[in-house]
Amino acid sequence: MTNQYVLCSFFICITVISSICFVGCDKPNLKDNTAEILVFNVDESKVESIFEDTELKIRFASPKGWKKVDESMVAQVVMAVDTSPMDGLEIIPRSIFLNEDSKAVCILSKIDWKGIVPDEKLLQSLTIAYQNQFPKANVKQGLFIKDAFRIHQLMVITSESVLIKLICDSSETLVFGVDYHVPIEVYKSELSAIESSIGSIDLIDNISKK
């Protein structure tokens, strides 16, 4: 199985499910009292160098050993997936990070739509969609605040893999997604690196403020 096939198959799966579910949402409220404020300790030895996406206005570090793939592979994923708007939604993969040994994948995407943003109803709909798609999977959801971001988190755990899907929104950025897809046999060993990677998500403008 080639790396390209792994990436395309995974992204087709998450795109189809997400496209079904991103409908009918209200504007975000970063002061929502239901969201827990979380602080992540970033172990710089467990992440790659900081990567900046100037369009999304964010900075981010992938887990250690998860290298950014060539831009042509991102283009191939886009071509392999129908990212046309469905109910106003378009998911646009911008960067892909791959661990060639374990085949763990991280995809950073821009989420584009008209007048629709994530809320709790979205998370419920997305959770139900994953449960329907993977009836034997353990699907968990959560909502938390990290710095300037409100982050909806979904975990889909199957006998073969773990998907951690983050939908991030902020008044200062475009809405974006970060997906970590990890084979089950390496999930525990990669978990602390993934947590450090999530902790590295920040606004580019915050660099000058720290």
N, C-alpha and C. Protein backbone atom coordinates (compact mmCIF):
# COMPACT_ATOMS: atom_id res chain seq x y z
N MET A 1 0.86 -1.20 0.00
CA MET A 1 0.00 0.00 0.00
C MET A 1 0.89 1.24 0.00
N THR A 2 0.73 2.16 -0.95
CA THR A 2 1.57 3.33 -1.04
C THR A 2 1.12 4.41 -0.07
N ASN A 3 2.04 5.33 0.24
CA ASN A 3 1.69 6.45 1.10
C ASN A 3 0.57 7.27 0.49
N GLN A 4 0.60 7.45 -0.84
CA GLN A 4 -0.43 8.23 -1.50
C GLN A 4 -1.80 7.58 -1.31
N TYR A 5 -1.86 6.25 -1.43
CA TYR A 5 -3.15 5.55 -1.25
C TYR A 5 -3.66 5.70 0.17
N VAL A 6 -2.75 5.59 1.15
CA VAL A 6 -3.15 5.74 2.55
C VAL A 6 -3.75 7.12 2.78
N LEU A 7 -3.07 8.15 2.29
CA LEU A 7 -3.53 9.52 2.51
C LEU A 7 -4.86 9.77 1.83
N CYS A 8 -4.98 9.35 0.59
CA CYS A 8 -6.22 9.60 -0.15
C CYS A 8 -7.39 8.86 0.47
N SER A 9 -7.20 7.60 0.85
CA SER A 9 -8.29 6.82 1.45
C SER A 9 -8.76 7.46 2.74
N PHE A 10 -7.82 7.88 3.58
CA PHE A 10 -8.18 8.50 4.85
C PHE A 10 -8.93 9.80 4.63
N PHE A 11 -8.42 10.64 3.71
CA PHE A 11 -9.04 11.94 3.53
C PHE A 11 -10.42 11.83 2.89
N ILE A 12 -10.59 10.89 1.98
CA ILE A 12 -11.92 10.66 1.40
C ILE A 12 -12.91 10.34 2.50
N CYS A 13 -12.51 9.50 3.45
CA CYS A 13 -13.39 9.10 4.54
C CYS A 13 -13.81 10.30 5.37
N ILE A 14 -12.86 11.10 5.83
CA ILE A 14 -13.22 12.20 6.72
C ILE A 14 -13.95 13.29 5.97
N THR A 15 -13.67 13.45 4.66
CA THR A 15 -14.34 14.49 3.90
C THR A 15 -15.80 14.16 3.69
N VAL A 16 -16.08 12.92 3.31
CA VAL A 16 -17.47 12.52 3.07
C VAL A 16 -18.31 12.68 4.33
N ILE A 17 -17.79 12.20 5.45
CA ILE A 17 -18.55 12.29 6.70
C ILE A 17 -18.73 13.74 7.11
N SER A 18 -17.68 14.53 7.03
CA SER A 18 -17.79 15.92 7.45
C SER A 18 -18.74 16.69 6.55
N SER A 19 -18.73 16.40 5.25
CA SER A 19 -19.58 17.12 4.33
C SER A 19 -21.05 16.90 4.62
N ILE A 20 -21.39 15.75 5.17
CA ILE A 20 -22.78 15.46 5.50
C ILE A 20 -23.24 16.31 6.67
N CYS A 21 -22.32 16.68 7.55
CA CYS A 21 -22.72 17.14 8.88
C CYS A 21 -22.58 18.62 9.15
N PHE A 22 -21.85 19.37 8.36
CA PHE A 22 -21.63 20.77 8.71
C PHE A 22 -22.78 21.62 8.21
N VAL A 23 -23.92 21.57 8.89
CA VAL A 23 -25.08 22.33 8.46
C VAL A 23 -25.76 22.96 9.67
N GLY A 24 -26.41 24.11 9.42
CA GLY A 24 -27.30 24.70 10.40
C GLY A 24 -26.67 25.11 11.71
N CYS A 25 -25.49 25.75 11.69
CA CYS A 25 -24.82 26.10 12.94
C CYS A 25 -24.91 27.58 13.23
N ASP A 26 -24.78 27.92 14.51
CA ASP A 26 -24.80 29.30 14.94
C ASP A 26 -23.37 29.83 15.05
N LYS A 27 -23.25 31.12 15.30
CA LYS A 27 -21.92 31.71 15.45
C LYS A 27 -21.27 31.23 16.74
N PRO A 28 -19.93 31.13 16.74
CA PRO A 28 -19.25 30.61 17.93
C PRO A 28 -19.31 31.60 19.08
N ASN A 29 -19.24 31.03 20.28
CA ASN A 29 -19.19 31.85 21.49
C ASN A 29 -18.02 31.36 22.32
N LEU A 30 -16.89 32.05 22.22
CA LEU A 30 -15.69 31.60 22.91
C LEU A 30 -15.79 31.75 24.43
N LYS A 31 -16.85 32.39 24.89
CA LYS A 31 -17.07 32.52 26.32
C LYS A 31 -18.06 31.48 26.83
N ASP A 32 -18.34 30.50 26.00
CA ASP A 32 -19.29 29.46 26.37
C ASP A 32 -18.83 28.77 27.65
N ASN A 33 -19.69 28.80 28.67
CA ASN A 33 -19.31 28.23 29.97
C ASN A 33 -19.23 26.72 29.96
N THR A 34 -19.75 26.07 28.89
CA THR A 34 -19.69 24.62 28.81
C THR A 34 -18.32 24.13 28.35
N ALA A 35 -17.50 25.04 27.84
CA ALA A 35 -16.19 24.67 27.32
C ALA A 35 -15.14 24.78 28.41
N GLU A 36 -14.36 23.73 28.57
CA GLU A 36 -13.30 23.70 29.58
C GLU A 36 -12.06 24.38 29.02
N ILE A 37 -11.40 25.18 29.83
CA ILE A 37 -10.14 25.81 29.42
C ILE A 37 -8.99 24.86 29.72
N LEU A 38 -8.24 24.51 28.71
CA LEU A 38 -7.15 23.55 28.87
C LEU A 38 -5.80 24.20 28.58
N VAL A 39 -4.80 23.80 29.32
CA VAL A 39 -3.42 24.25 29.10
C VAL A 39 -2.58 23.03 28.76
N PHE A 40 -1.88 23.09 27.64
CA PHE A 40 -1.05 21.97 27.20
C PHE A 40 0.42 22.30 27.46
N ASN A 41 1.13 21.36 28.05
CA ASN A 41 2.57 21.49 28.20
C ASN A 41 3.24 20.95 26.94
N VAL A 42 3.93 21.82 26.24
CA VAL A 42 4.56 21.42 24.99
C VAL A 42 6.00 20.98 25.25
N ASP A 43 6.28 19.72 24.95
CA ASP A 43 7.63 19.19 25.04
C ASP A 43 8.26 19.34 23.66
N GLU A 44 9.15 20.32 23.53
CA GLU A 44 9.70 20.63 22.21
C GLU A 44 10.53 19.49 21.63
N SER A 45 10.94 18.55 22.49
CA SER A 45 11.70 17.41 21.98
C SER A 45 10.80 16.40 21.27
N LYS A 46 9.48 16.59 21.42
CA LYS A 46 8.53 15.63 20.84
C LYS A 46 7.76 16.18 19.64
N VAL A 47 8.19 17.35 19.14
CA VAL A 47 7.54 17.93 17.97
C VAL A 47 8.59 18.38 16.96
N GLU A 48 8.14 18.55 15.72
CA GLU A 48 9.00 19.06 14.67
C GLU A 48 9.10 20.59 14.80
N SER A 49 9.83 21.21 13.90
CA SER A 49 9.96 22.66 13.89
C SER A 49 8.61 23.31 13.61
N ILE A 50 8.44 24.51 14.11
CA ILE A 50 7.19 25.24 13.92
C ILE A 50 6.94 25.50 12.44
N PHE A 51 5.70 25.23 12.02
CA PHE A 51 5.25 25.49 10.66
C PHE A 51 4.20 26.60 10.72
N GLU A 52 4.28 27.58 9.82
CA GLU A 52 3.33 28.67 9.81
C GLU A 52 2.45 28.62 8.56
N ASP A 53 1.16 28.85 8.76
CA ASP A 53 0.22 28.97 7.65
C ASP A 53 -0.30 30.41 7.69
N THR A 54 0.21 31.24 6.79
CA THR A 54 -0.12 32.66 6.84
C THR A 54 -1.57 32.94 6.45
N GLU A 55 -2.15 32.09 5.63
CA GLU A 55 -3.56 32.30 5.27
C GLU A 55 -4.47 32.01 6.46
N LEU A 56 -4.19 30.90 7.16
CA LEU A 56 -4.98 30.57 8.33
C LEU A 56 -4.57 31.40 9.55
N LYS A 57 -3.41 32.07 9.47
CA LYS A 57 -2.89 32.92 10.54
C LYS A 57 -2.50 32.12 11.78
N ILE A 58 -2.05 30.89 11.57
CA ILE A 58 -1.69 30.05 12.71
C ILE A 58 -0.28 29.49 12.56
N ARG A 59 0.27 29.07 13.69
CA ARG A 59 1.54 28.34 13.72
C ARG A 59 1.28 27.02 14.40
N PHE A 60 2.09 26.01 14.04
CA PHE A 60 1.76 24.64 14.43
C PHE A 60 3.00 23.78 14.25
N ALA A 61 3.17 22.79 15.14
CA ALA A 61 4.26 21.83 15.00
C ALA A 61 3.69 20.42 14.99
N SER A 62 4.06 19.65 14.01
CA SER A 62 3.60 18.26 13.94
C SER A 62 4.38 17.41 14.94
N PRO A 63 3.85 16.23 15.31
CA PRO A 63 4.59 15.33 16.20
C PRO A 63 5.97 14.98 15.62
N LYS A 64 6.90 14.66 16.49
CA LYS A 64 8.27 14.33 16.07
C LYS A 64 8.25 13.16 15.09
N GLY A 65 8.94 13.32 13.98
CA GLY A 65 9.01 12.26 12.97
C GLY A 65 7.90 12.32 11.95
N TRP A 66 6.93 13.22 12.13
CA TRP A 66 5.84 13.40 11.16
C TRP A 66 6.27 14.55 10.25
N LYS A 67 6.80 14.22 9.08
CA LYS A 67 7.40 15.21 8.20
C LYS A 67 6.38 15.75 7.20
N LYS A 68 6.51 17.03 6.90
CA LYS A 68 5.64 17.65 5.90
C LYS A 68 5.94 17.05 4.53
N VAL A 69 4.90 16.60 3.85
CA VAL A 69 5.10 15.97 2.56
C VAL A 69 5.13 17.02 1.46
N ASP A 70 5.60 16.59 0.31
CA ASP A 70 5.72 17.48 -0.83
C ASP A 70 4.37 18.07 -1.21
N GLU A 71 4.40 19.31 -1.66
CA GLU A 71 3.16 20.00 -2.04
C GLU A 71 2.39 19.25 -3.12
N SER A 72 3.10 18.51 -3.97
CA SER A 72 2.42 17.77 -5.03
C SER A 72 1.50 16.71 -4.47
N MET A 73 1.85 16.12 -3.31
CA MET A 73 0.98 15.11 -2.72
C MET A 73 -0.29 15.75 -2.18
N VAL A 74 -0.18 16.97 -1.64
CA VAL A 74 -1.37 17.69 -1.20
C VAL A 74 -2.28 17.92 -2.39
N ALA A 75 -1.67 18.34 -3.51
CA ALA A 75 -2.45 18.58 -4.72
C ALA A 75 -3.14 17.29 -5.20
N GLN A 76 -2.44 16.16 -5.08
CA GLN A 76 -3.02 14.88 -5.50
C GLN A 76 -4.20 14.50 -4.62
N VAL A 77 -4.09 14.79 -3.31
CA VAL A 77 -5.22 14.51 -2.41
C VAL A 77 -6.41 15.37 -2.79
N VAL A 78 -6.17 16.64 -3.08
CA VAL A 78 -7.26 17.54 -3.48
C VAL A 78 -7.93 17.02 -4.75
N MET A 79 -7.13 16.58 -5.71
CA MET A 79 -7.68 16.09 -6.97
C MET A 79 -8.45 14.79 -6.77
N ALA A 80 -8.05 13.98 -5.78
CA ALA A 80 -8.69 12.68 -5.57
C ALA A 80 -10.00 12.80 -4.82
N VAL A 81 -10.24 13.95 -4.21
CA VAL A 81 -11.41 14.12 -3.36
C VAL A 81 -12.30 15.20 -3.94
N ASP A 82 -13.60 14.95 -3.93
CA ASP A 82 -14.56 15.95 -4.37
C ASP A 82 -14.77 16.94 -3.22
N THR A 83 -14.11 18.10 -3.32
CA THR A 83 -14.22 19.10 -2.25
C THR A 83 -15.20 20.21 -2.62
N SER A 84 -16.06 19.94 -3.62
CA SER A 84 -17.07 20.92 -3.97
C SER A 84 -17.99 21.15 -2.79
N PRO A 85 -18.55 22.36 -2.68
CA PRO A 85 -19.43 22.64 -1.53
C PRO A 85 -20.62 21.68 -1.49
N MET A 86 -20.89 21.17 -0.31
CA MET A 86 -22.09 20.38 -0.05
C MET A 86 -22.77 21.03 1.14
N ASP A 87 -23.96 21.53 0.92
CA ASP A 87 -24.63 22.31 1.96
C ASP A 87 -23.75 23.47 2.43
N GLY A 88 -23.04 24.07 1.46
CA GLY A 88 -22.22 25.23 1.77
C GLY A 88 -20.84 24.92 2.30
N LEU A 89 -20.43 23.64 2.29
CA LEU A 89 -19.16 23.26 2.90
C LEU A 89 -18.10 22.92 1.86
N GLU A 90 -16.87 23.33 2.14
CA GLU A 90 -15.73 22.90 1.35
C GLU A 90 -14.55 22.67 2.28
N ILE A 91 -13.96 21.50 2.24
CA ILE A 91 -12.78 21.18 3.05
C ILE A 91 -11.56 21.21 2.13
N ILE A 92 -10.58 22.02 2.47
CA ILE A 92 -9.42 22.21 1.60
C ILE A 92 -8.16 21.82 2.36
N PRO A 93 -7.59 20.64 2.08
CA PRO A 93 -6.33 20.26 2.74
C PRO A 93 -5.21 21.20 2.32
N ARG A 94 -4.46 21.71 3.30
CA ARG A 94 -3.40 22.66 3.00
C ARG A 94 -2.01 22.07 3.23
N SER A 95 -1.88 21.24 4.26
CA SER A 95 -0.58 20.64 4.55
C SER A 95 -0.80 19.24 5.11
N ILE A 96 0.09 18.32 4.75
CA ILE A 96 0.01 16.94 5.22
C ILE A 96 1.36 16.57 5.85
N PHE A 97 1.29 15.93 7.01
CA PHE A 97 2.49 15.51 7.73
C PHE A 97 2.41 14.00 7.93
N LEU A 98 3.45 13.29 7.54
CA LEU A 98 3.42 11.83 7.51
C LEU A 98 4.60 11.24 8.26
N ASN A 99 4.32 10.24 9.11
CA ASN A 99 5.37 9.42 9.69
C ASN A 99 5.52 8.20 8.78
N GLU A 100 6.59 8.15 8.02
CA GLU A 100 6.74 7.11 7.02
C GLU A 100 6.86 5.72 7.63
N ASP A 101 7.35 5.63 8.85
CA ASP A 101 7.51 4.32 9.49
C ASP A 101 6.18 3.76 9.97
N SER A 102 5.42 4.58 10.69
CA SER A 102 4.16 4.08 11.28
C SER A 102 2.95 4.32 10.40
N LYS A 103 3.10 5.17 9.37
CA LYS A 103 2.00 5.60 8.49
C LYS A 103 0.97 6.47 9.23
N ALA A 104 1.36 7.06 10.34
CA ALA A 104 0.50 8.03 11.01
C ALA A 104 0.47 9.31 10.17
N VAL A 105 -0.69 9.94 10.11
CA VAL A 105 -0.89 11.08 9.23
C VAL A 105 -1.54 12.23 10.01
N CYS A 106 -1.09 13.45 9.72
CA CYS A 106 -1.74 14.65 10.23
C CYS A 106 -2.09 15.52 9.03
N ILE A 107 -3.33 15.99 8.98
CA ILE A 107 -3.78 16.85 7.88
C ILE A 107 -4.28 18.17 8.46
N LEU A 108 -3.71 19.27 7.97
CA LEU A 108 -4.16 20.61 8.32
C LEU A 108 -5.02 21.12 7.17
N SER A 109 -6.26 21.51 7.46
CA SER A 109 -7.21 21.89 6.42
C SER A 109 -7.88 23.21 6.72
N LYS A 110 -8.18 23.92 5.69
CA LYS A 110 -9.06 25.09 5.78
C LYS A 110 -10.49 24.60 5.60
N ILE A 111 -11.39 25.06 6.46
CA ILE A 111 -12.80 24.68 6.35
C ILE A 111 -13.55 25.93 5.90
N ASP A 112 -14.12 25.86 4.71
CA ASP A 112 -14.71 27.02 4.08
C ASP A 112 -16.21 26.81 3.88
N TRP A 113 -17.01 27.78 4.28
CA TRP A 113 -18.45 27.72 4.03
C TRP A 113 -19.04 29.10 4.16
N LYS A 114 -20.29 29.22 3.80
CA LYS A 114 -20.97 30.52 3.83
C LYS A 114 -21.96 30.54 4.99
N GLY A 115 -21.69 31.39 5.96
CA GLY A 115 -22.64 31.60 7.05
C GLY A 115 -22.80 30.43 7.99
N ILE A 116 -21.82 29.50 7.99
CA ILE A 116 -21.91 28.32 8.86
C ILE A 116 -20.61 28.21 9.64
N VAL A 117 -20.72 28.06 10.96
CA VAL A 117 -19.53 27.87 11.80
C VAL A 117 -19.83 26.78 12.82
N PRO A 118 -18.81 26.17 13.39
CA PRO A 118 -19.04 25.05 14.31
C PRO A 118 -19.78 25.46 15.58
N ASP A 119 -20.63 24.60 16.07
CA ASP A 119 -21.21 24.75 17.39
C ASP A 119 -21.50 23.37 17.95
N GLU A 120 -22.17 23.31 19.08
CA GLU A 120 -22.41 22.03 19.74
C GLU A 120 -23.31 21.12 18.90
N LYS A 121 -24.25 21.70 18.15
CA LYS A 121 -25.12 20.90 17.29
C LYS A 121 -24.30 20.20 16.21
N LEU A 122 -23.31 20.92 15.69
CA LEU A 122 -22.42 20.33 14.70
C LEU A 122 -21.70 19.12 15.27
N LEU A 123 -21.16 19.28 16.46
CA LEU A 123 -20.40 18.19 17.08
C LEU A 123 -21.28 16.97 17.29
N GLN A 124 -22.51 17.19 17.72
CA GLN A 124 -23.44 16.08 17.90
C GLN A 124 -23.71 15.38 16.56
N SER A 125 -23.94 16.17 15.52
CA SER A 125 -24.22 15.60 14.21
C SER A 125 -23.03 14.82 13.67
N LEU A 126 -21.85 15.38 13.88
CA LEU A 126 -20.64 14.72 13.40
C LEU A 126 -20.38 13.42 14.16
N THR A 127 -20.64 13.44 15.46
CA THR A 127 -20.48 12.23 16.27
C THR A 127 -21.42 11.14 15.79
N ILE A 128 -22.67 11.49 15.53
CA ILE A 128 -23.66 10.51 15.05
C ILE A 128 -23.23 9.95 13.69
N ALA A 129 -22.71 10.82 12.82
CA ALA A 129 -22.26 10.37 11.50
C ALA A 129 -21.13 9.36 11.61
N TYR A 130 -20.17 9.63 12.51
CA TYR A 130 -19.08 8.68 12.70
C TYR A 130 -19.59 7.37 13.30
N GLN A 131 -20.52 7.46 14.23
CA GLN A 131 -21.07 6.25 14.83
C GLN A 131 -21.80 5.41 13.79
N ASN A 132 -22.48 6.07 12.87
CA ASN A 132 -23.18 5.35 11.81
C ASN A 132 -22.19 4.75 10.81
N GLN A 133 -21.12 5.49 10.54
CA GLN A 133 -20.12 5.01 9.58
C GLN A 133 -19.28 3.87 10.16
N PHE A 134 -19.00 3.97 11.48
CA PHE A 134 -18.18 2.97 12.16
C PHE A 134 -18.93 2.46 13.38
N PRO A 135 -19.94 1.60 13.18
CA PRO A 135 -20.80 1.17 14.30
C PRO A 135 -20.06 0.44 15.41
N LYS A 136 -18.91 -0.13 15.12
CA LYS A 136 -18.15 -0.85 16.13
C LYS A 136 -17.10 0.04 16.80
N ALA A 137 -17.02 1.30 16.37
CA ALA A 137 -16.00 2.19 16.92
C ALA A 137 -16.49 2.84 18.21
N ASN A 138 -15.52 3.26 19.02
CA ASN A 138 -15.80 4.05 20.21
C ASN A 138 -15.61 5.51 19.82
N VAL A 139 -16.70 6.28 19.81
CA VAL A 139 -16.65 7.67 19.38
C VAL A 139 -16.85 8.59 20.58
N LYS A 140 -15.89 9.47 20.82
CA LYS A 140 -15.96 10.39 21.94
C LYS A 140 -15.90 11.82 21.42
N GLN A 141 -16.51 12.74 22.17
CA GLN A 141 -16.48 14.13 21.76
C GLN A 141 -16.14 15.02 22.94
N GLY A 142 -15.66 16.21 22.63
CA GLY A 142 -15.32 17.16 23.68
C GLY A 142 -15.27 18.57 23.13
N LEU A 143 -15.29 19.53 24.01
CA LEU A 143 -15.23 20.93 23.64
C LEU A 143 -14.34 21.63 24.66
N PHE A 144 -13.31 22.34 24.17
CA PHE A 144 -12.45 23.04 25.10
C PHE A 144 -11.92 24.33 24.48
N ILE A 145 -11.44 25.21 25.35
CA ILE A 145 -10.82 26.46 24.93
C ILE A 145 -9.32 26.35 25.13
N LYS A 146 -8.57 26.70 24.07
CA LYS A 146 -7.11 26.76 24.17
C LYS A 146 -6.67 28.11 23.63
N ASP A 147 -6.17 28.95 24.52
CA ASP A 147 -5.75 30.29 24.12
C ASP A 147 -6.91 31.01 23.40
N ALA A 148 -6.68 31.42 22.15
CA ALA A 148 -7.71 32.17 21.41
C ALA A 148 -8.71 31.26 20.71
N PHE A 149 -8.50 29.95 20.79
CA PHE A 149 -9.30 29.03 19.99
C PHE A 149 -10.36 28.30 20.81
N ARG A 150 -11.52 28.13 20.23
CA ARG A 150 -12.46 27.13 20.72
C ARG A 150 -12.25 25.90 19.85
N ILE A 151 -12.08 24.75 20.48
CA ILE A 151 -11.75 23.53 19.74
C ILE A 151 -12.77 22.45 20.04
N HIS A 152 -13.44 21.99 18.99
CA HIS A 152 -14.29 20.81 19.09
C HIS A 152 -13.42 19.60 18.77
N GLN A 153 -13.44 18.62 19.63
CA GLN A 153 -12.62 17.42 19.43
C GLN A 153 -13.48 16.18 19.30
N LEU A 154 -13.16 15.38 18.32
CA LEU A 154 -13.77 14.07 18.16
C LEU A 154 -12.67 13.02 18.16
N MET A 155 -12.89 11.93 18.87
CA MET A 155 -11.98 10.78 18.81
C MET A 155 -12.78 9.58 18.31
N VAL A 156 -12.29 8.95 17.28
CA VAL A 156 -12.91 7.75 16.73
C VAL A 156 -11.90 6.62 16.87
N ILE A 157 -12.21 5.66 17.74
CA ILE A 157 -11.28 4.58 18.06
C ILE A 157 -11.82 3.28 17.51
N THR A 158 -11.09 2.68 16.59
CA THR A 158 -11.47 1.39 16.03
C THR A 158 -10.40 0.36 16.41
N SER A 159 -10.58 -0.86 15.98
CA SER A 159 -9.60 -1.91 16.27
C SER A 159 -8.29 -1.69 15.51
N GLU A 160 -8.32 -0.80 14.51
CA GLU A 160 -7.15 -0.60 13.67
C GLU A 160 -6.49 0.77 13.86
N SER A 161 -7.27 1.78 14.25
CA SER A 161 -6.70 3.12 14.28
C SER A 161 -7.44 4.04 15.23
N VAL A 162 -6.82 5.19 15.48
CA VAL A 162 -7.44 6.26 16.27
C VAL A 162 -7.41 7.53 15.42
N LEU A 163 -8.56 8.16 15.29
CA LEU A 163 -8.66 9.45 14.62
C LEU A 163 -8.98 10.51 15.67
N ILE A 164 -8.11 11.52 15.78
CA ILE A 164 -8.38 12.68 16.61
C ILE A 164 -8.65 13.84 15.66
N LYS A 165 -9.89 14.32 15.67
CA LYS A 165 -10.30 15.37 14.74
C LYS A 165 -10.57 16.64 15.53
N LEU A 166 -9.86 17.70 15.21
CA LEU A 166 -10.03 18.99 15.86
C LEU A 166 -10.62 19.98 14.88
N ILE A 167 -11.69 20.64 15.28
CA ILE A 167 -12.28 21.72 14.48
C ILE A 167 -12.08 22.99 15.29
N CYS A 168 -11.28 23.91 14.77
CA CYS A 168 -10.84 25.07 15.55
C CYS A 168 -11.41 26.35 14.96
N ASP A 169 -11.96 27.19 15.83
CA ASP A 169 -12.42 28.49 15.36
C ASP A 169 -12.04 29.57 16.36
N SER A 170 -11.83 30.76 15.80
CA SER A 170 -11.42 31.91 16.60
C SER A 170 -11.86 33.16 15.87
N SER A 171 -12.08 34.21 16.60
CA SER A 171 -12.47 35.47 15.96
C SER A 171 -11.33 36.05 15.13
N GLU A 172 -10.11 35.56 15.35
CA GLU A 172 -8.94 36.11 14.68
C GLU A 172 -8.43 35.25 13.52
N THR A 173 -9.05 34.10 13.27
CA THR A 173 -8.56 33.21 12.22
C THR A 173 -9.71 32.68 11.37
N LEU A 174 -9.34 32.08 10.25
CA LEU A 174 -10.30 31.29 9.51
C LEU A 174 -10.54 30.00 10.28
N VAL A 175 -11.69 29.36 10.04
CA VAL A 175 -11.95 28.08 10.68
C VAL A 175 -11.07 27.03 10.01
N PHE A 176 -10.44 26.17 10.81
CA PHE A 176 -9.55 25.17 10.24
C PHE A 176 -9.68 23.86 11.01
N GLY A 177 -9.21 22.80 10.40
CA GLY A 177 -9.25 21.49 11.01
C GLY A 177 -7.86 20.89 11.10
N VAL A 178 -7.63 20.14 12.17
CA VAL A 178 -6.38 19.37 12.31
C VAL A 178 -6.79 17.94 12.63
N ASP A 179 -6.39 17.00 11.80
CA ASP A 179 -6.74 15.59 11.98
C ASP A 179 -5.48 14.76 12.18
N TYR A 180 -5.47 13.99 13.25
CA TYR A 180 -4.38 13.04 13.52
C TYR A 180 -4.95 11.64 13.34
N HIS A 181 -4.43 10.88 12.40
CA HIS A 181 -4.89 9.51 12.14
C HIS A 181 -3.74 8.57 12.45
N VAL A 182 -3.90 7.75 13.49
CA VAL A 182 -2.78 6.99 14.04
C VAL A 182 -3.12 5.50 14.11
N PRO A 183 -2.30 4.63 13.57
CA PRO A 183 -2.52 3.19 13.74
C PRO A 183 -2.59 2.84 15.22
N ILE A 184 -3.48 1.94 15.59
CA ILE A 184 -3.74 1.66 17.00
C ILE A 184 -2.49 1.15 17.72
N GLU A 185 -1.62 0.44 17.01
CA GLU A 185 -0.47 -0.16 17.68
C GLU A 185 0.59 0.86 18.09
N VAL A 186 0.54 2.08 17.52
CA VAL A 186 1.53 3.09 17.90
C VAL A 186 0.87 4.27 18.62
N TYR A 187 -0.43 4.19 18.86
CA TYR A 187 -1.14 5.33 19.44
C TYR A 187 -0.58 5.72 20.81
N LYS A 188 -0.41 4.75 21.70
CA LYS A 188 0.06 5.08 23.05
C LYS A 188 1.45 5.71 23.03
N SER A 189 2.31 5.20 22.17
CA SER A 189 3.66 5.74 22.12
C SER A 189 3.71 7.13 21.47
N GLU A 190 2.70 7.47 20.68
CA GLU A 190 2.65 8.77 20.00
C GLU A 190 1.82 9.81 20.77
N LEU A 191 1.09 9.38 21.79
CA LEU A 191 0.11 10.25 22.43
C LEU A 191 0.73 11.53 23.00
N SER A 192 1.85 11.42 23.71
CA SER A 192 2.44 12.63 24.30
C SER A 192 2.93 13.59 23.22
N ALA A 193 3.40 13.05 22.09
CA ALA A 193 3.83 13.90 20.98
C ALA A 193 2.63 14.59 20.34
N ILE A 194 1.51 13.88 20.24
CA ILE A 194 0.29 14.48 19.69
C ILE A 194 -0.20 15.59 20.61
N GLU A 195 -0.16 15.36 21.91
CA GLU A 195 -0.59 16.38 22.86
C GLU A 195 0.30 17.62 22.76
N SER A 196 1.61 17.42 22.60
CA SER A 196 2.50 18.57 22.42
C SER A 196 2.22 19.28 21.11
N SER A 197 1.86 18.53 20.08
CA SER A 197 1.52 19.12 18.79
C SER A 197 0.26 19.98 18.92
N ILE A 198 -0.76 19.45 19.59
CA ILE A 198 -1.98 20.23 19.80
C ILE A 198 -1.66 21.50 20.60
N GLY A 199 -0.80 21.35 21.59
CA GLY A 199 -0.42 22.50 22.40
C GLY A 199 0.33 23.57 21.64
N SER A 200 0.93 23.18 20.53
CA SER A 200 1.71 24.14 19.74
C SER A 200 0.84 25.03 18.87
N ILE A 201 -0.42 24.68 18.67
CA ILE A 201 -1.31 25.48 17.82
C ILE A 201 -1.46 26.86 18.44
N ASP A 202 -1.16 27.88 17.66
CA ASP A 202 -1.20 29.24 18.19
C ASP A 202 -1.41 30.22 17.04
N LEU A 203 -1.76 31.45 17.38
CA LEU A 203 -1.85 32.53 16.40
C LEU A 203 -0.45 33.00 16.05
N ILE A 204 -0.20 33.28 14.78
CA ILE A 204 1.09 33.81 14.38
C ILE A 204 1.38 35.11 15.11
N ASP A 205 0.37 35.94 15.28
CA ASP A 205 0.55 37.24 15.93
C ASP A 205 0.97 37.12 17.39
N ASN A 206 0.75 35.96 17.99
CA ASN A 206 1.09 35.79 19.41
C ASN A 206 2.59 35.71 19.64
N ILE A 207 3.36 35.45 18.58
CA ILE A 207 4.80 35.33 18.73
C ILE A 207 5.39 36.63 19.29
N SER A 208 4.92 37.74 18.76
CA SER A 208 5.46 39.02 19.19
C SER A 208 4.97 39.44 20.57
N LYS A 209 3.90 38.77 21.06
CA LYS A 209 3.33 39.15 22.33
C LYS A 209 3.93 38.36 23.49
N LYS A 210 4.69 37.28 23.18
CA LYS A 210 5.21 36.41 24.23
C LYS A 210 6.63 36.75 24.58
